[in-house]
Amino acid sequence: MIRELVLDTETTGLDSGDGHRIVEIGIVELENHVPTGKEFHYYLNPERESDKGAQKVHGLSREFLSNKPKFSDIAEEFINFISDSKIIIHNASFDLGFINAELTRCNIDELSENIVIDTLILAKKKFIGQSVSLDSLCRKYNINLTGRDTHGALKDAKLLASVYLELIGGRQSRLDLDNVKNNSSSEERDNLFNVGEYYQKKNLKKTKQSKINEDDYKLHLQSIKTIKNSIWKKISD
């Protein structure tokens, strides 16, 4: 099983080094590239004002956030939720910088860049010279942006999950043979590809006759009998 977490944050400003803090964190869980419905989401009290520009983006006032938990209150739960999973982030250096600044304040080890997949880098490789903001990628992939007048960490994590699945090949990027086996009747499964019938119907080209060693041929016939569901038996029946 592949477990991945799509993460986004909203912050009081643009620079974690200048004391800006996280005001919202949202994470969406994927298993084998399929959303499970499991989420991690908190509004957080940053203990400071948001820059005007930042508040215009996320719409979260200091009054609204004043009774919300601090990052230190949810830090342990956050680390446990992440576990050892890969984390999907758009423009990872920004969000990771803020998260690691918060973890440092809590005397918790920082997250390594090695566990992060940056969709901004993936998108730049795929759409060279084009805009690869989250909005632009949603429009490229016809992902519904209704209700995104203001940004939200959980809302954007869900959008990014859809974008990520498209960037790696779409929701049908994995051929689910197990699903075919589980949901088909035994007759349907047998008819998915009948090898013996295929070769019986196929016009085989004539080849030059060559002499074979009689002893080797007998050993070959004996070995065929030991093979379960042998293709040679299907052809000769």
C-alpha atoms as a PDB file:
ATOM      1  CA  MET A   1       0.000   0.000   0.000  1.00  0.00           C
ATOM      2  CA  ILE A   2       1.246   3.480  -0.910  1.00  0.00           C
ATOM      3  CA  ARG A   3       0.168   6.136   1.592  1.00  0.00           C
ATOM      4  CA  GLU A   4       0.579   9.770   0.578  1.00  0.00           C
ATOM      5  CA  LEU A   5      -0.567  12.969   2.267  1.00  0.00           C
ATOM      6  CA  VAL A   6      -1.513  16.108   0.343  1.00  0.00           C
ATOM      7  CA  LEU A   7      -0.821  19.154   2.525  1.00  0.00           C
ATOM      8  CA  ASP A   8      -1.477  22.876   2.437  1.00  0.00           C
ATOM      9  CA  THR A   9      -1.196  25.746   4.927  1.00  0.00           C
ATOM     10  CA  GLU A  10      -2.430  29.303   5.323  1.00  0.00           C
ATOM     11  CA  THR A  11      -0.206  31.767   7.162  1.00  0.00           C
ATOM     12  CA  THR A  12      -0.074  35.247   8.653  1.00  0.00           C
ATOM     13  CA  GLY A  13       2.488  36.360   6.066  1.00  0.00           C
ATOM     14  CA  LEU A  14       5.084  35.269   3.565  1.00  0.00           C
ATOM     15  CA  ASP A  15       8.220  34.814   5.691  1.00  0.00           C
ATOM     16  CA  SER A  16       8.477  32.263   8.480  1.00  0.00           C
ATOM     17  CA  GLY A  17      11.884  33.716   9.333  1.00  0.00           C
ATOM     18  CA  ASP A  18      10.181  37.007  10.169  1.00  0.00           C
ATOM     19  CA  GLY A  19       8.022  35.397  12.848  1.00  0.00           C
ATOM     20  CA  HIS A  20       4.963  34.697  10.705  1.00  0.00           C
ATOM     21  CA  ARG A  21       2.887  31.699  11.755  1.00  0.00           C
ATOM     22  CA  ILE A  22       0.493  29.077  10.434  1.00  0.00           C
ATOM     23  CA  VAL A  23      -3.211  29.903  10.822  1.00  0.00           C
ATOM     24  CA  GLU A  24      -4.632  26.815   9.102  1.00  0.00           C
ATOM     25  CA  ILE A  25      -3.312  23.404   8.132  1.00  0.00           C
ATOM     26  CA  GLY A  26      -5.135  20.856   5.978  1.00  0.00           C
ATOM     27  CA  ILE A  27      -4.095  17.359   4.917  1.00  0.00           C
ATOM     28  CA  VAL A  28      -5.858  14.835   2.664  1.00  0.00           C
ATOM     29  CA  GLU A  29      -4.890  11.155   2.763  1.00  0.00           C
ATOM     30  CA  LEU A  30      -4.376   9.057  -0.376  1.00  0.00           C
ATOM     31  CA  GLU A  31      -3.911   5.301  -0.517  1.00  0.00           C
ATOM     32  CA  ASN A  32      -2.627   3.903  -3.805  1.00  0.00           C
ATOM     33  CA  HIS A  33      -3.443   7.310  -5.352  1.00  0.00           C
ATOM     34  CA  VAL A  34      -7.077   7.184  -4.216  1.00  0.00           C
ATOM     35  CA  PRO A  35      -8.533   9.629  -1.621  1.00  0.00           C
ATOM     36  CA  THR A  36      -9.598   7.707   1.495  1.00  0.00           C
ATOM     37  CA  GLY A  37     -11.757  10.471   2.970  1.00  0.00           C
ATOM     38  CA  LYS A  38      -9.442  10.712   5.986  1.00  0.00           C
ATOM     39  CA  GLU A  39      -8.313  14.267   6.724  1.00  0.00           C
ATOM     40  CA  PHE A  40      -6.282  16.292   9.205  1.00  0.00           C
ATOM     41  CA  HIS A  41      -7.500  19.878   9.619  1.00  0.00           C
ATOM     42  CA  TYR A  42      -7.074  22.661  12.156  1.00  0.00           C
ATOM     43  CA  TYR A  43      -7.458  26.407  12.369  1.00  0.00           C
ATOM     44  CA  LEU A  44      -4.673  27.690  14.598  1.00  0.00           C
ATOM     45  CA  ASN A  45      -4.152  30.664  16.865  1.00  0.00           C
ATOM     46  CA  PRO A  46      -0.952  32.343  15.561  1.00  0.00           C
ATOM     47  CA  GLU A  47      -0.744  34.682  18.550  1.00  0.00           C
ATOM     48  CA  ARG A  48      -0.193  37.620  16.210  1.00  0.00           C
ATOM     49  CA  GLU A  49      -1.922  39.650  13.504  1.00  0.00           C
ATOM     50  CA  SER A  50      -1.955  38.564   9.881  1.00  0.00           C
ATOM     51  CA  ASP A  51      -0.543  40.901   7.251  1.00  0.00           C
ATOM     52  CA  LYS A  52      -3.322  42.644   5.355  1.00  0.00           C
ATOM     53  CA  GLY A  53      -2.381  40.860   2.146  1.00  0.00           C
ATOM     54  CA  ALA A  54      -2.375  37.453   3.823  1.00  0.00           C
ATOM     55  CA  GLN A  55      -5.711  38.021   5.540  1.00  0.00           C
ATOM     56  CA  LYS A  56      -7.217  39.065   2.221  1.00  0.00           C
ATOM     57  CA  VAL A  57      -6.107  35.704   0.786  1.00  0.00           C
ATOM     58  CA  HIS A  58      -7.411  33.434   3.563  1.00  0.00           C
ATOM     59  CA  GLY A  59     -10.042  35.646   5.212  1.00  0.00           C
ATOM     60  CA  LEU A  60      -9.217  34.468   8.744  1.00  0.00           C
ATOM     61  CA  SER A  61      -9.371  37.285  11.307  1.00  0.00           C
ATOM     62  CA  ARG A  62      -7.450  37.370  14.572  1.00  0.00           C
ATOM     63  CA  GLU A  63     -10.775  37.390  16.401  1.00  0.00           C
ATOM     64  CA  PHE A  64     -11.873  34.169  14.657  1.00  0.00           C
ATOM     65  CA  LEU A  65      -8.537  32.491  15.431  1.00  0.00           C
ATOM     66  CA  SER A  66      -8.230  33.706  19.037  1.00  0.00           C
ATOM     67  CA  ASN A  67      -9.963  30.670  20.577  1.00  0.00           C
ATOM     68  CA  LYS A  68      -8.391  28.091  18.264  1.00  0.00           C
ATOM     69  CA  PRO A  69      -5.594  25.731  19.413  1.00  0.00           C
ATOM     70  CA  LYS A  70      -1.971  26.754  19.084  1.00  0.00           C
ATOM     71  CA  PHE A  71       0.331  24.706  16.880  1.00  0.00           C
ATOM     72  CA  SER A  72       2.007  23.324  19.997  1.00  0.00           C
ATOM     73  CA  ASP A  73      -1.371  21.865  21.028  1.00  0.00           C
ATOM     74  CA  ILE A  74      -1.663  19.777  17.855  1.00  0.00           C
ATOM     75  CA  ALA A  75       2.036  19.157  17.088  1.00  0.00           C
ATOM     76  CA  GLU A  76       2.149  15.588  18.430  1.00  0.00           C
ATOM     77  CA  GLU A  77      -1.083  14.640  16.647  1.00  0.00           C
ATOM     78  CA  PHE A  78       0.329  16.151  13.449  1.00  0.00           C
ATOM     79  CA  ILE A  79       3.543  14.103  13.669  1.00  0.00           C
ATOM     80  CA  ASN A  80       1.595  10.907  14.403  1.00  0.00           C
ATOM     81  CA  PHE A  81      -0.737  11.514  11.468  1.00  0.00           C
ATOM     82  CA  ILE A  82       2.150  12.058   9.060  1.00  0.00           C
ATOM     83  CA  SER A  83       4.050   9.003  10.297  1.00  0.00           C
ATOM     84  CA  ASP A  84       6.511   7.961   7.571  1.00  0.00           C
ATOM     85  CA  SER A  85       4.316   8.855   4.589  1.00  0.00           C
ATOM     86  CA  LYS A  86       5.284  10.911   1.571  1.00  0.00           C
ATOM     87  CA  ILE A  87       3.905  14.456   1.661  1.00  0.00           C
ATOM     88  CA  ILE A  88       2.615  16.196  -1.462  1.00  0.00           C
ATOM     89  CA  ILE A  89       2.942  20.011  -1.393  1.00  0.00           C
ATOM     90  CA  HIS A  90       2.694  22.736  -4.029  1.00  0.00           C
ATOM     91  CA  ASN A  91       5.708  25.045  -3.661  1.00  0.00           C
ATOM     92  CA  ALA A  92       7.035  22.863  -0.851  1.00  0.00           C
ATOM     93  CA  SER A  93       9.775  25.220   0.348  1.00  0.00           C
ATOM     94  CA  PHE A  94       7.124  27.691   1.548  1.00  0.00           C
ATOM     95  CA  ASP A  95       4.903  25.321   3.545  1.00  0.00           C
ATOM     96  CA  LEU A  96       7.808  23.195   4.780  1.00  0.00           C
ATOM     97  CA  GLY A  97       9.585  26.320   6.011  1.00  0.00           C
ATOM     98  CA  PHE A  98       6.570  27.307   8.104  1.00  0.00           C
ATOM     99  CA  ILE A  99       5.959  23.784   9.419  1.00  0.00           C
ATOM    100  CA  ASN A 100       9.582  23.314  10.437  1.00  0.00           C
ATOM    101  CA  ALA A 101       9.627  26.724  12.145  1.00  0.00           C
ATOM    102  CA  GLU A 102       6.594  25.648  14.180  1.00  0.00           C
ATOM    103  CA  LEU A 103       8.149  22.255  15.012  1.00  0.00           C
ATOM    104  CA  THR A 104      11.369  23.957  16.123  1.00  0.00           C
ATOM    105  CA  ARG A 105       9.350  26.117  18.557  1.00  0.00           C
ATOM    106  CA  CYS A 106       7.968  22.871  19.976  1.00  0.00           C
ATOM    107  CA  ASN A 107      11.431  21.269  20.241  1.00  0.00           C
ATOM    108  CA  ILE A 108      10.445  18.641  17.670  1.00  0.00           C
ATOM    109  CA  ASP A 109      12.729  17.504  14.854  1.00  0.00           C
ATOM    110  CA  GLU A 110      12.126  19.196  11.522  1.00  0.00           C
ATOM    111  CA  LEU A 111      10.611  17.320   8.577  1.00  0.00           C
ATOM    112  CA  SER A 112      13.092  16.283   5.912  1.00  0.00           C
ATOM    113  CA  GLU A 113      12.786  17.461   2.329  1.00  0.00           C
ATOM    114  CA  ASN A 114      13.342  13.810   1.342  1.00  0.00           C
ATOM    115  CA  ILE A 115       9.775  12.882   2.292  1.00  0.00           C
ATOM    116  CA  VAL A 116       8.247  15.675   0.181  1.00  0.00           C
ATOM    117  CA  ILE A 117       7.038  15.625  -3.432  1.00  0.00           C
ATOM    118  CA  ASP A 118       6.742  19.168  -4.797  1.00  0.00           C
ATOM    119  CA  THR A 119       3.958  19.411  -7.384  1.00  0.00           C
ATOM    120  CA  LEU A 120       5.307  22.798  -8.461  1.00  0.00           C
ATOM    121  CA  ILE A 121       8.448  21.061  -9.743  1.00  0.00           C
ATOM    122  CA  LEU A 122       6.388  18.309 -11.417  1.00  0.00           C
ATOM    123  CA  ALA A 123       4.184  20.907 -13.113  1.00  0.00           C
ATOM    124  CA  LYS A 124       7.112  23.041 -14.323  1.00  0.00           C
ATOM    125  CA  LYS A 125       8.591  19.988 -16.053  1.00  0.00           C
ATOM    126  CA  LYS A 126       5.271  19.178 -17.710  1.00  0.00           C
ATOM    127  CA  PHE A 127       4.162  22.710 -18.636  1.00  0.00           C
ATOM    128  CA  ILE A 128       7.423  24.409 -19.548  1.00  0.00           C
ATOM    129  CA  GLY A 129       7.149  28.194 -19.635  1.00  0.00           C
ATOM    130  CA  GLN A 130       3.484  28.177 -18.568  1.00  0.00           C
ATOM    131  CA  SER A 131       1.794  29.324 -15.383  1.00  0.00           C
ATOM    132  CA  VAL A 132       1.735  26.467 -12.881  1.00  0.00           C
ATOM    133  CA  SER A 133      -0.087  28.052  -9.951  1.00  0.00           C
ATOM    134  CA  LEU A 134      -2.696  25.828  -8.314  1.00  0.00           C
ATOM    135  CA  ASP A 135      -5.469  27.854  -9.983  1.00  0.00           C
ATOM    136  CA  SER A 136      -3.838  27.503 -13.407  1.00  0.00           C
ATOM    137  CA  LEU A 137      -3.355  23.755 -13.012  1.00  0.00           C
ATOM    138  CA  CYS A 138      -6.970  23.310 -11.915  1.00  0.00           C
ATOM    139  CA  ARG A 139      -8.099  25.123 -15.052  1.00  0.00           C
ATOM    140  CA  LYS A 140      -5.787  23.013 -17.240  1.00  0.00           C
ATOM    141  CA  TYR A 141      -7.313  19.838 -15.831  1.00  0.00           C
ATOM    142  CA  ASN A 142     -10.905  21.148 -15.669  1.00  0.00           C
ATOM    143  CA  ILE A 143     -11.002  20.843 -11.873  1.00  0.00           C
ATOM    144  CA  ASN A 144     -13.878  22.808 -10.327  1.00  0.00           C
ATOM    145  CA  LEU A 145     -12.704  25.997  -8.604  1.00  0.00           C
ATOM    146  CA  THR A 146     -16.127  27.055  -7.335  1.00  0.00           C
ATOM    147  CA  GLY A 147     -15.925  28.652  -3.878  1.00  0.00           C
ATOM    148  CA  ARG A 148     -12.250  29.557  -4.054  1.00  0.00           C
ATOM    149  CA  ASP A 149     -12.779  33.301  -3.667  1.00  0.00           C
ATOM    150  CA  THR A 150     -10.742  32.915  -0.493  1.00  0.00           C
ATOM    151  CA  HIS A 151      -8.081  30.261  -0.006  1.00  0.00           C
ATOM    152  CA  GLY A 152      -8.405  27.534   2.604  1.00  0.00           C
ATOM    153  CA  ALA A 153      -5.808  24.941   3.576  1.00  0.00           C
ATOM    154  CA  LEU A 154      -8.141  21.933   3.488  1.00  0.00           C
ATOM    155  CA  LYS A 155      -9.967  23.200   0.411  1.00  0.00           C
ATOM    156  CA  ASP A 156      -6.668  23.718  -1.418  1.00  0.00           C
ATOM    157  CA  ALA A 157      -5.302  20.342  -0.265  1.00  0.00           C
ATOM    158  CA  LYS A 158      -8.314  18.667  -1.882  1.00  0.00           C
ATOM    159  CA  LEU A 159      -7.765  20.613  -5.109  1.00  0.00           C
ATOM    160  CA  LEU A 160      -4.067  19.763  -5.037  1.00  0.00           C
ATOM    161  CA  ALA A 161      -4.868  16.076  -4.555  1.00  0.00           C
ATOM    162  CA  SER A 162      -6.852  16.159  -7.818  1.00  0.00           C
ATOM    163  CA  VAL A 163      -4.054  18.065  -9.577  1.00  0.00           C
ATOM    164  CA  TYR A 164      -1.408  15.638  -8.275  1.00  0.00           C
ATOM    165  CA  LEU A 165      -3.325  12.617  -9.581  1.00  0.00           C
ATOM    166  CA  GLU A 166      -3.517  14.275 -13.001  1.00  0.00           C
ATOM    167  CA  LEU A 167       0.181  15.180 -12.983  1.00  0.00           C
ATOM    168  CA  ILE A 168       1.193  11.572 -12.361  1.00  0.00           C
ATOM    169  CA  GLY A 169      -1.082  10.243 -15.080  1.00  0.00           C
ATOM    170  CA  GLY A 170      -4.683  10.723 -14.074  1.00  0.00           C
ATOM    171  CA  ARG A 171      -7.005   8.826 -11.776  1.00  0.00           C
ATOM    172  CA  GLN A 172      -6.820   5.784 -14.063  1.00  0.00           C
ATOM    173  CA  SER A 173      -3.009   5.709 -14.056  1.00  0.00           C
ATOM    174  CA  ARG A 174      -3.035   2.315 -12.366  1.00  0.00           C
ATOM    175  CA  LEU A 175      -4.549  -0.727 -14.131  1.00  0.00           C
ATOM    176  CA  ASP A 176      -6.556  -2.352 -11.361  1.00  0.00           C
ATOM    177  CA  LEU A 177      -6.354  -6.038 -12.268  1.00  0.00           C
ATOM    178  CA  ASP A 178      -7.435  -7.044  -8.769  1.00  0.00           C
ATOM    179  CA  ASN A 179     -10.668  -5.105  -9.288  1.00  0.00           C
ATOM    180  CA  VAL A 180     -11.290  -7.002 -12.531  1.00  0.00           C
ATOM    181  CA  LYS A 181     -10.671 -10.315 -10.782  1.00  0.00           C
ATOM    182  CA  ASN A 182     -12.849  -9.495  -7.795  1.00  0.00           C
ATOM    183  CA  ASN A 183     -15.818  -8.071  -9.709  1.00  0.00           C
ATOM    184  CA  SER A 184     -15.970 -10.459 -12.691  1.00  0.00           C
ATOM    185  CA  SER A 185     -17.553 -13.900 -12.853  1.00  0.00           C
ATOM    186  CA  SER A 186     -15.253 -16.910 -13.267  1.00  0.00           C
ATOM    187  CA  GLU A 187     -16.401 -17.255 -16.898  1.00  0.00           C
ATOM    188  CA  GLU A 188     -15.662 -13.584 -17.612  1.00  0.00           C
ATOM    189  CA  ARG A 189     -12.226 -13.910 -16.023  1.00  0.00           C
ATOM    190  CA  ASP A 190     -11.436 -16.987 -18.129  1.00  0.00           C
ATOM    191  CA  ASN A 191     -12.458 -15.139 -21.285  1.00  0.00           C
ATOM    192  CA  LEU A 192     -10.349 -12.043 -20.639  1.00  0.00           C
ATOM    193  CA  PHE A 193      -7.607 -13.619 -22.691  1.00  0.00           C
ATOM    194  CA  ASN A 194      -7.720 -17.270 -23.818  1.00  0.00           C
ATOM    195  CA  VAL A 195      -4.158 -17.993 -24.883  1.00  0.00           C
ATOM    196  CA  GLY A 196      -4.840 -21.405 -26.390  1.00  0.00           C
ATOM    197  CA  GLU A 197      -7.724 -20.126 -28.512  1.00  0.00           C
ATOM    198  CA  TYR A 198      -5.625 -17.175 -29.662  1.00  0.00           C
ATOM    199  CA  TYR A 199      -2.858 -19.377 -31.047  1.00  0.00           C
ATOM    200  CA  GLN A 200      -5.284 -21.884 -32.563  1.00  0.00           C
ATOM    201  CA  LYS A 201      -6.977 -19.110 -34.577  1.00  0.00           C
ATOM    202  CA  LYS A 202      -3.769 -17.303 -35.469  1.00  0.00           C
ATOM    203  CA  ASN A 203      -2.279 -17.941 -38.915  1.00  0.00           C
ATOM    204  CA  LEU A 204       1.137 -19.242 -38.040  1.00  0.00           C
ATOM    205  CA  LYS A 205       3.949 -18.871 -40.549  1.00  0.00           C
ATOM    206  CA  LYS A 206       5.659 -21.991 -41.787  1.00  0.00           C
ATOM    207  CA  THR A 207       9.214 -22.374 -40.679  1.00  0.00           C
ATOM    208  CA  LYS A 208      12.100 -24.460 -41.955  1.00  0.00           C
ATOM    209  CA  GLN A 209      12.104 -27.981 -40.614  1.00  0.00           C
ATOM    210  CA  SER A 210      15.099 -28.775 -38.485  1.00  0.00           C
ATOM    211  CA  LYS A 211      16.293 -32.012 -36.982  1.00  0.00           C
ATOM    212  CA  ILE A 212      16.024 -32.406 -33.248  1.00  0.00           C
ATOM    213  CA  ASN A 213      17.638 -34.816 -30.885  1.00  0.00           C
ATOM    214  CA  GLU A 214      15.184 -37.638 -30.128  1.00  0.00           C
ATOM    215  CA  ASP A 215      16.220 -37.900 -26.475  1.00  0.00           C
ATOM    216  CA  ASP A 216      15.854 -34.140 -25.983  1.00  0.00           C
ATOM    217  CA  TYR A 217      12.402 -34.241 -27.539  1.00  0.00           C
ATOM    218  CA  LYS A 218      11.254 -36.995 -25.150  1.00  0.00           C
ATOM    219  CA  LEU A 219      12.552 -35.017 -22.167  1.00  0.00           C
ATOM    220  CA  HIS A 220      10.686 -31.977 -23.482  1.00  0.00           C
ATOM    221  CA  LEU A 221       7.392 -33.894 -23.691  1.00  0.00           C
ATOM    222  CA  GLN A 222       7.864 -35.233 -20.159  1.00  0.00           C
ATOM    223  CA  SER A 223       8.570 -31.768 -18.751  1.00  0.00           C
ATOM    224  CA  ILE A 224       5.424 -30.340 -20.393  1.00  0.00           C
ATOM    225  CA  LYS A 225       3.277 -32.845 -18.488  1.00  0.00           C
ATOM    226  CA  THR A 226       4.539 -31.422 -15.196  1.00  0.00           C
ATOM    227  CA  ILE A 227       3.547 -27.825 -16.055  1.00  0.00           C
ATOM    228  CA  LYS A 228       0.204 -26.716 -14.619  1.00  0.00           C
ATOM    229  CA  ASN A 229      -2.146 -25.151 -17.227  1.00  0.00           C
ATOM    230  CA  SER A 230       0.521 -25.617 -19.891  1.00  0.00           C
ATOM    231  CA  ILE A 231       0.102 -23.447 -22.996  1.00  0.00           C
ATOM    232  CA  TRP A 232       1.435 -26.346 -25.096  1.00  0.00           C
ATOM    233  CA  LYS A 233      -1.403 -28.566 -23.904  1.00  0.00           C
ATOM    234  CA  LYS A 234      -3.968 -25.884 -24.761  1.00  0.00           C
ATOM    235  CA  ILE A 235      -2.590 -25.541 -28.297  1.00  0.00           C
ATOM    236  CA  SER A 236      -2.473 -29.279 -28.960  1.00  0.00           C
ATOM    237  CA  ASP A 237      -5.974 -30.062 -27.540  1.00  0.00           C
END
